[in-house]
């Protein structure tokens, strides 16, 4: 998902409402247009993000320094440059920031965002946080109606990603930046996070997450009716740094074995069990302890229940949620296997749980999936 426009107001696409664009300055290339073509050639879903809403205040008045921020010749780059509240002295998520964006700014926001839709037909648009301001509400309604109707015209599924309470539940996809939820959410939701703990973009001295940690978070999120949007930061020449390639390939190898427990699945009636606490909320993606072999997450598809141990459980795995007193009793279980391992496994069930003997050889390095095939549907 490329950034169509970040807070600084420089559009990476051919925007007709500004001269400050990559198509008219600098490289003089429609970067978003080229990426759209390249992504679709690989039969992937094209998406964009827009941060133009924050442009109302991003340059914070421009009065603290000798600058050209207030020069009317550069209005379409710097924007109104209204002063924002100092973060330590105000609630920066407030629904009632002052001064509020005026009609001119809001009309421009709507026009630019609809132009992104028309020119590039993205199937997903991701908005950053500031659109939850009260003044945006009627404009968000107009945009959602326009975008969803355009998706209908194209014959494509489309979605809006948002943070906080910008859209009513069920009308767009709720996004938790660098964070997770503690339980299953009835409506589909998403986490966006990065392979790096300390940056979204390309920098020196990244503090990278491990592939195992990312896989554990992916499984936890999917078990709670969510999806993981994973960011990488290419170099200026567009190449992906080698450590990030390695992380992606490790995740890919895990999905090649365990993907059937992720793709096209639905949550079970509980997300899972285990001792490791999930810190709920934004920017909490590095705060949990390491998952253990007793941390288990559930997904379902067809007549299969998948129980994914987030670390190796040892010679046996005991799943307390599948005890003899649970919804799934022994006479409902046809067979149990581990993805990536041929054959079936020996198991037993009592009031303490469902106990499964693990294979003698691990099928990988990370989370391990028991496939429990149920009789009937």
Protein backbone atom coordinates (compact mmCIF):
# COMPACT_ATOMS: atom_id res chain seq x y z
CA UNK A 1 0.00 0.00 0.00
CA UNK A 2 1.87 3.14 -1.16
CA UNK A 3 1.33 6.54 0.44
CA UNK A 4 -0.50 8.76 -2.05
CA UNK A 5 0.05 11.87 0.07
CA UNK A 6 1.61 12.20 3.50
CA UNK A 7 1.22 15.04 6.03
CA UNK A 8 3.69 17.25 4.18
CA UNK A 9 1.28 17.80 1.26
CA UNK A 10 3.55 16.52 -1.53
CA UNK A 11 1.41 14.21 -3.64
CA UNK A 12 3.05 11.12 -5.05
CA UNK A 13 0.37 10.93 -7.75
CA UNK A 14 -0.81 13.13 -10.61
CA UNK A 15 -3.02 15.42 -8.51
CA UNK A 16 -4.86 18.09 -10.49
CA UNK A 17 -5.34 20.25 -7.38
CA UNK A 18 -1.66 20.99 -6.74
CA UNK A 19 1.56 21.67 -8.59
CA UNK A 20 3.51 20.08 -5.72
CA UNK A 21 3.39 16.51 -7.01
CA UNK A 22 5.85 13.85 -8.12
CA UNK A 23 4.25 13.98 -11.56
CA UNK A 24 5.03 17.70 -12.02
CA UNK A 25 8.21 18.15 -9.96
CA UNK A 26 11.23 16.09 -8.91
CA UNK A 27 11.11 12.77 -10.78
CA UNK A 28 8.16 13.99 -12.89
CA UNK A 29 6.63 10.53 -12.66
CA UNK A 30 3.20 9.42 -11.53
CA UNK A 31 4.57 7.13 -8.83
CA UNK A 32 1.16 5.91 -7.67
CA UNK A 33 0.06 5.22 -11.22
CA UNK A 34 3.19 3.20 -11.96
CA UNK A 35 2.84 1.25 -8.74
CA UNK A 36 -0.83 0.53 -9.51
CA UNK A 37 0.16 -1.02 -12.83
CA UNK A 38 3.02 -3.03 -11.31
CA UNK A 39 0.89 -4.36 -8.46
CA UNK A 40 -1.92 -5.45 -10.77
CA UNK A 41 0.52 -7.20 -13.10
CA UNK A 42 1.34 -9.42 -10.12
CA UNK A 43 -2.41 -10.06 -9.58
CA UNK A 44 -2.32 -8.31 -6.22
CA UNK A 45 -4.86 -5.92 -4.73
CA UNK A 46 -3.91 -2.26 -5.12
CA UNK A 47 -4.42 0.08 -2.18
CA UNK A 48 -3.39 3.62 -1.21
CA UNK A 49 -3.19 5.69 1.96
CA UNK A 50 -4.07 9.36 2.32
CA UNK A 51 -2.94 11.64 5.15
CA UNK A 52 -4.19 14.86 3.60
CA UNK A 53 -6.58 15.53 6.50
CA UNK A 54 -3.66 16.34 8.82
CA UNK A 55 -2.40 18.91 6.34
CA UNK A 56 -4.72 21.44 7.99
CA UNK A 57 -2.27 21.82 10.88
CA UNK A 58 0.84 19.87 9.95
CA UNK A 59 3.10 22.92 9.47
CA UNK A 60 1.81 24.27 12.80
CA UNK A 61 1.36 27.86 11.75
CA UNK A 62 4.88 28.25 10.44
CA UNK A 63 5.28 31.32 12.64
CA UNK A 64 7.95 30.04 15.01
CA UNK A 65 10.65 30.31 12.36
CA UNK A 66 11.59 32.59 9.51
CA UNK A 67 9.91 30.54 6.79
CA UNK A 68 7.76 30.74 3.68
CA UNK A 69 4.96 28.64 5.19
CA UNK A 70 2.56 31.60 5.25
CA UNK A 71 3.49 32.81 1.74
CA UNK A 72 0.28 32.54 -0.36
CA UNK A 73 2.35 31.45 -3.37
CA UNK A 74 2.93 28.12 -1.64
CA UNK A 75 -0.55 27.55 -0.28
CA UNK A 76 -1.17 24.37 -2.29
CA UNK A 77 1.96 22.86 -0.73
CA UNK A 78 1.86 24.05 2.88
CA UNK A 79 -1.91 24.22 3.15
CA UNK A 80 -3.59 26.48 5.68
CA UNK A 81 -0.80 25.69 8.19
CA UNK A 82 -3.05 26.32 11.15
CA UNK A 83 -1.44 25.95 14.57
CA UNK A 84 -2.14 22.66 16.27
CA UNK A 85 -2.35 22.21 20.05
CA UNK A 86 0.82 21.17 21.81
CA UNK A 87 0.55 17.47 22.46
CA UNK A 88 1.54 17.70 26.10
CA UNK A 89 -1.15 20.29 26.77
CA UNK A 90 -4.14 19.03 24.78
CA UNK A 91 -6.06 15.93 23.77
CA UNK A 92 -4.77 15.48 20.24
CA UNK A 93 -7.58 13.03 19.43
CA UNK A 94 -10.24 15.51 20.42
CA UNK A 95 -13.42 15.65 18.36
CA UNK A 96 -13.42 19.44 18.66
CA UNK A 97 -10.07 20.89 17.68
CA UNK A 98 -10.03 24.63 17.10
CA UNK A 99 -9.78 26.24 14.69
CA UNK A 100 -11.79 23.69 12.76
CA UNK A 101 -11.08 23.07 9.08
CA UNK A 102 -13.16 25.42 6.94
CA UNK A 103 -15.35 24.56 3.98
CA UNK A 104 -12.63 25.34 1.46
CA UNK A 105 -10.25 22.84 3.04
CA UNK A 106 -12.94 20.19 3.44
CA UNK A 107 -14.09 20.52 -0.18
CA UNK A 108 -10.47 20.21 -1.30
CA UNK A 109 -10.01 17.10 0.88
CA UNK A 110 -13.07 15.46 -0.64
CA UNK A 111 -12.11 16.39 -4.21
CA UNK A 112 -8.55 15.06 -3.85
CA UNK A 113 -9.72 11.82 -2.29
CA UNK A 114 -12.37 11.20 -4.93
CA UNK A 115 -9.76 11.94 -7.61
CA UNK A 116 -7.56 9.18 -6.15
CA UNK A 117 -10.50 6.82 -6.51
CA UNK A 118 -11.27 7.78 -10.09
CA UNK A 119 -7.69 7.83 -11.40
CA UNK A 120 -6.32 4.68 -9.77
CA UNK A 121 -9.31 2.54 -8.72
CA UNK A 122 -7.75 1.36 -5.43
CA UNK A 123 -9.64 -1.44 -3.73
CA UNK A 124 -8.61 -0.22 -0.30
CA UNK A 125 -8.09 3.30 1.02
CA UNK A 126 -6.38 3.75 4.38
CA UNK A 127 -6.88 6.96 6.35
CA UNK A 128 -4.72 8.17 9.20
CA UNK A 129 -6.15 9.36 12.49
CA UNK A 130 -7.34 12.96 12.10
CA UNK A 131 -10.51 12.25 10.10
CA UNK A 132 -12.37 11.50 13.35
CA UNK A 133 -12.80 15.25 13.91
CA UNK A 134 -16.51 16.15 14.04
CA UNK A 135 -16.24 18.46 11.03
CA UNK A 136 -15.28 15.52 8.81
CA UNK A 137 -18.43 13.47 9.48
CA UNK A 138 -20.61 14.66 6.56
CA UNK A 139 -17.63 14.54 4.20
CA UNK A 140 -16.79 10.99 5.24
CA UNK A 141 -20.37 10.00 4.49
CA UNK A 142 -20.15 11.58 1.05
CA UNK A 143 -16.82 9.96 0.33
CA UNK A 144 -17.91 6.49 1.51
CA UNK A 145 -21.05 6.65 -0.66
CA UNK A 146 -19.00 7.78 -3.67
CA UNK A 147 -16.30 5.15 -3.20
CA UNK A 148 -18.61 2.23 -2.51
CA UNK A 149 -20.77 3.15 -5.52
CA UNK A 150 -17.67 3.34 -7.70
CA UNK A 151 -16.63 -0.12 -6.49
CA UNK A 152 -20.06 -1.38 -7.52
CA UNK A 153 -19.60 0.16 -10.96
CA UNK A 154 -16.18 -1.50 -11.33
CA UNK A 155 -17.50 -4.86 -10.13
CA UNK A 156 -14.81 -4.93 -7.42
CA UNK A 157 -14.89 -5.20 -3.66
CA UNK A 158 -13.58 -2.03 -2.00
CA UNK A 159 -12.97 -1.06 1.62
CA UNK A 160 -12.05 1.92 3.77
CA UNK A 161 -9.60 1.54 6.66
CA UNK A 162 -9.92 3.97 9.55
CA UNK A 163 -8.75 4.51 13.12
CA UNK A 164 -10.62 5.42 16.31
CA UNK A 165 -14.32 6.23 15.77
CA UNK A 166 -14.24 7.85 12.34
CA UNK A 167 -16.92 5.54 10.87
CA UNK A 168 -19.83 3.70 12.48
CA UNK A 169 -19.14 0.02 13.19
CA UNK A 170 -19.80 -2.15 10.16
CA UNK A 171 -19.45 0.62 7.56
CA UNK A 172 -15.64 0.50 7.22
CA UNK A 173 -12.70 -1.56 8.50
CA UNK A 174 -11.49 -0.55 11.96
CA UNK A 175 -7.69 -0.35 12.14
CA UNK A 176 -5.44 -0.56 15.21
CA UNK A 177 -2.05 0.95 14.39
CA UNK A 178 0.79 -1.14 15.83
CA UNK A 179 -1.58 -2.88 18.22
CA UNK A 180 -4.06 -5.67 18.82
CA UNK A 181 -7.34 -6.49 20.54
CA UNK A 182 -7.89 -8.73 23.54
CA UNK A 183 -10.91 -10.59 22.19
CA UNK A 184 -12.93 -11.39 19.08
CA UNK A 185 -14.48 -8.34 17.42
CA UNK A 186 -17.83 -9.06 15.72
CA UNK A 187 -16.87 -6.88 12.75
CA UNK A 188 -13.79 -7.56 10.67
CA UNK A 189 -10.84 -5.37 11.71
CA UNK A 190 -7.16 -4.87 10.95
CA UNK A 191 -3.77 -4.24 12.50
CA UNK A 192 -1.20 -2.25 10.55
CA UNK A 193 2.33 -2.64 11.77
CA UNK A 194 5.90 -2.80 10.50
CA UNK A 195 8.66 -5.37 10.37
CA UNK A 196 10.68 -2.77 12.28
CA UNK A 197 10.08 -1.71 15.87
CA UNK A 198 11.48 1.79 15.36
CA UNK A 199 10.48 2.93 11.88
CA UNK A 200 8.01 2.64 9.03
CA UNK A 201 10.51 3.69 6.38
CA UNK A 202 14.06 2.96 5.34
CA UNK A 203 16.61 3.97 7.99
CA UNK A 204 19.93 2.80 9.32
CA UNK A 205 20.04 0.70 12.48
CA UNK A 206 16.59 -0.88 12.29
CA UNK A 207 15.44 -2.80 15.35
CA UNK A 208 13.71 -5.60 13.48
CA UNK A 209 11.03 -7.91 14.82
CA UNK A 210 11.61 -11.62 14.31
CA UNK A 211 9.56 -13.58 11.80
CA UNK A 212 8.37 -15.72 14.72
CA UNK A 213 7.00 -12.71 16.60
CA UNK A 214 5.18 -11.46 13.50
CA UNK A 215 3.70 -14.92 12.84
CA UNK A 216 2.51 -15.12 16.46
CA UNK A 217 0.81 -11.74 16.13
CA UNK A 218 -0.71 -12.74 12.78
CA UNK A 219 -2.28 -15.86 14.27
CA UNK A 220 -3.57 -13.97 17.31
CA UNK A 221 -5.13 -11.28 15.11
CA UNK A 222 -6.79 -13.73 12.70
CA UNK A 223 -8.24 -15.73 15.62
CA UNK A 224 -9.99 -12.50 16.70
CA UNK A 225 -11.57 -11.79 13.27
CA UNK A 226 -8.77 -9.50 12.12
CA UNK A 227 -6.15 -9.18 9.40
CA UNK A 228 -2.52 -8.07 9.49
CA UNK A 229 -1.26 -5.32 7.18
CA UNK A 230 2.55 -5.62 7.31
CA UNK A 231 4.78 -2.74 6.29
CA UNK A 232 8.27 -2.85 4.81
CA UNK A 233 10.47 0.16 3.99
CA UNK A 234 12.17 0.03 0.57
CA UNK A 235 15.40 1.88 -0.12
CA UNK A 236 15.30 5.06 -2.25
CA UNK A 237 15.94 2.95 -5.36
CA UNK A 238 12.93 0.76 -4.61
CA UNK A 239 14.82 -2.35 -3.54
CA UNK A 240 13.78 -4.15 -0.38
CA UNK A 241 16.53 -4.39 2.29
CA UNK A 242 17.90 -7.90 2.65
CA UNK A 243 16.85 -8.38 6.32
CA UNK A 244 13.28 -7.51 5.35
CA UNK A 245 13.39 -9.91 2.41
CA UNK A 246 14.53 -12.62 4.82
CA UNK A 247 11.67 -11.90 7.24
CA UNK A 248 9.09 -11.98 4.45
CA UNK A 249 10.46 -15.26 3.08
CA UNK A 250 10.33 -16.86 6.53
CA UNK A 251 6.71 -15.79 6.93
CA UNK A 252 6.02 -17.11 3.43
CA UNK A 253 7.54 -20.49 4.27
CA UNK A 254 5.35 -20.70 7.37
CA UNK A 255 2.24 -19.80 5.36
CA UNK A 256 3.08 -22.40 2.73
CA UNK A 257 2.60 -25.04 5.45
CA UNK A 258 0.02 -23.40 7.71
CA UNK A 259 -1.84 -21.07 5.35
CA UNK A 260 -4.99 -23.19 5.31
CA UNK A 261 -5.45 -22.28 9.00
CA UNK A 262 -5.28 -18.57 8.08
CA UNK A 263 -6.71 -17.90 4.61
CA UNK A 264 -10.49 -18.01 4.30
CA UNK A 265 -10.99 -18.94 7.95
CA UNK A 266 -13.43 -17.62 10.53
CA UNK A 267 -13.06 -17.24 14.30
CA UNK A 268 -14.28 -19.97 16.63
CA UNK A 269 -16.57 -19.11 19.56
CA UNK A 270 -13.44 -18.30 21.64
CA UNK A 271 -10.21 -16.96 20.19
CA UNK A 272 -7.91 -19.15 22.25
CA UNK A 273 -6.26 -19.77 25.58
CA UNK A 274 -2.92 -19.45 27.32
CA UNK A 275 -0.92 -17.46 29.86
CA UNK A 276 0.52 -14.65 27.72
CA UNK A 277 -1.32 -11.36 28.05
CA UNK A 278 -2.07 -9.23 25.01
CA UNK A 279 -1.71 -5.50 25.64
CA UNK A 280 -4.69 -3.98 23.85
CA UNK A 281 -4.56 -0.71 21.96
CA UNK A 282 -2.46 1.42 19.69
CA UNK A 283 1.36 1.31 19.64
CA UNK A 284 1.50 -1.72 21.91
CA UNK A 285 2.92 -4.20 19.40
CA UNK A 286 6.25 -4.59 21.21
CA UNK A 287 4.88 -4.83 24.77
CA UNK A 288 3.82 -8.47 25.04
CA UNK A 289 6.00 -11.27 26.40
CA UNK A 290 7.05 -14.15 24.17
CA UNK A 291 4.28 -16.63 23.41
CA UNK A 292 4.55 -20.11 24.96
CA UNK A 293 3.50 -23.59 23.88
CA UNK A 294 0.44 -23.21 26.08
CA UNK A 295 -0.73 -20.17 24.09
CA UNK A 296 -3.20 -21.56 21.58
CA UNK A 297 -5.39 -19.78 19.00
CA UNK A 298 -8.39 -21.16 17.09
CA UNK A 299 -9.66 -20.66 13.56
CA UNK A 300 -12.29 -22.61 11.61
CA UNK A 301 -13.04 -23.51 8.00
CA UNK A 302 -15.51 -26.08 6.73
CA UNK A 303 -15.49 -29.09 9.03
CA UNK A 304 -12.04 -28.29 10.43
CA UNK A 305 -11.11 -26.58 13.67
CA UNK A 306 -7.50 -25.38 13.70
CA UNK A 307 -5.72 -25.11 17.06
CA UNK A 308 -2.46 -23.22 16.57
CA UNK A 309 0.18 -23.51 19.29
CA UNK A 310 2.21 -20.30 19.24
CA UNK A 311 5.35 -22.17 20.34
CA UNK A 312 6.31 -25.84 20.50
CA UNK A 313 4.22 -27.44 23.29
CA UNK A 314 6.56 -30.37 24.01
CA UNK A 315 5.75 -34.07 23.73
CA UNK A 316 2.04 -33.43 24.24
CA UNK A 317 -0.29 -30.48 23.84
CA UNK A 318 -3.28 -30.12 26.13
CA UNK A 319 -6.05 -27.85 24.87
CA UNK A 320 -8.21 -26.91 27.84
CA UNK A 321 -10.93 -25.29 25.71
CA UNK A 322 -11.61 -28.72 24.12
CA UNK A 323 -12.26 -30.69 27.30
CA UNK A 324 -14.96 -33.36 27.59
CA UNK A 325 -17.26 -30.59 28.84
CA UNK A 326 -16.77 -28.43 25.75
CA UNK A 327 -18.82 -28.07 22.58
CA UNK A 328 -16.56 -30.58 20.82
CA UNK A 329 -16.62 -34.00 22.45
CA UNK A 330 -14.70 -37.09 21.42
CA UNK A 331 -17.51 -38.60 19.33
CA UNK A 332 -17.51 -35.47 17.14
CA UNK A 333 -13.81 -35.72 16.27
CA UNK A 334 -12.91 -37.71 13.16
CA UNK A 335 -9.13 -37.26 13.18
CA UNK A 336 -6.35 -34.92 14.27
CA UNK A 337 -3.18 -34.11 12.37
CA UNK A 338 -0.50 -31.42 12.35
CA UNK A 339 -0.10 -29.34 9.20
CA UNK A 340 3.17 -30.16 7.49
CA UNK A 341 3.37 -33.65 9.04
CA UNK A 342 2.04 -36.75 7.23
CA UNK A 343 -0.43 -39.03 9.00
CA UNK A 344 -2.67 -38.58 12.00
CA UNK A 345 -1.88 -38.10 15.68
CA UNK A 346 -2.87 -39.96 18.84
CA UNK A 347 -5.20 -38.04 21.12
CA UNK A 348 -7.45 -38.39 24.15
CA UNK A 349 -10.03 -36.23 25.87
CA UNK A 350 -11.09 -35.81 29.48
CA UNK A 351 -12.37 -33.07 31.74
CA UNK A 352 -8.94 -31.41 31.78
CA UNK A 353 -8.79 -30.98 28.02
CA UNK A 354 -7.94 -32.53 24.67
CA UNK A 355 -4.44 -34.02 24.86
CA UNK A 356 -2.55 -34.62 21.60
CA UNK A 357 0.75 -36.41 21.19
CA UNK A 358 3.00 -34.23 19.07
CA UNK A 359 5.11 -35.55 16.16
CA UNK A 360 8.72 -36.51 16.80
CA UNK A 361 9.87 -33.95 14.21
CA UNK A 362 8.78 -30.32 14.11
CA UNK A 363 7.41 -29.19 10.72
CA UNK A 364 8.98 -25.75 11.09
CA UNK A 365 10.44 -23.19 13.46
CA UNK A 366 7.40 -21.23 14.57
CA UNK A 367 3.70 -21.69 15.39
CA UNK A 368 2.35 -25.24 14.95
CA UNK A 369 -1.14 -26.07 13.69
CA UNK A 370 -3.29 -28.98 14.80
CA UNK A 371 -6.04 -29.69 12.29
CA UNK A 372 -9.04 -31.21 14.07
CA UNK A 373 -11.46 -32.70 11.52
CA UNK A 374 -15.00 -32.92 12.80
CA UNK A 375 -17.67 -35.36 11.74
CA UNK A 376 -20.50 -33.89 9.72
CA UNK A 377 -20.44 -30.18 8.89
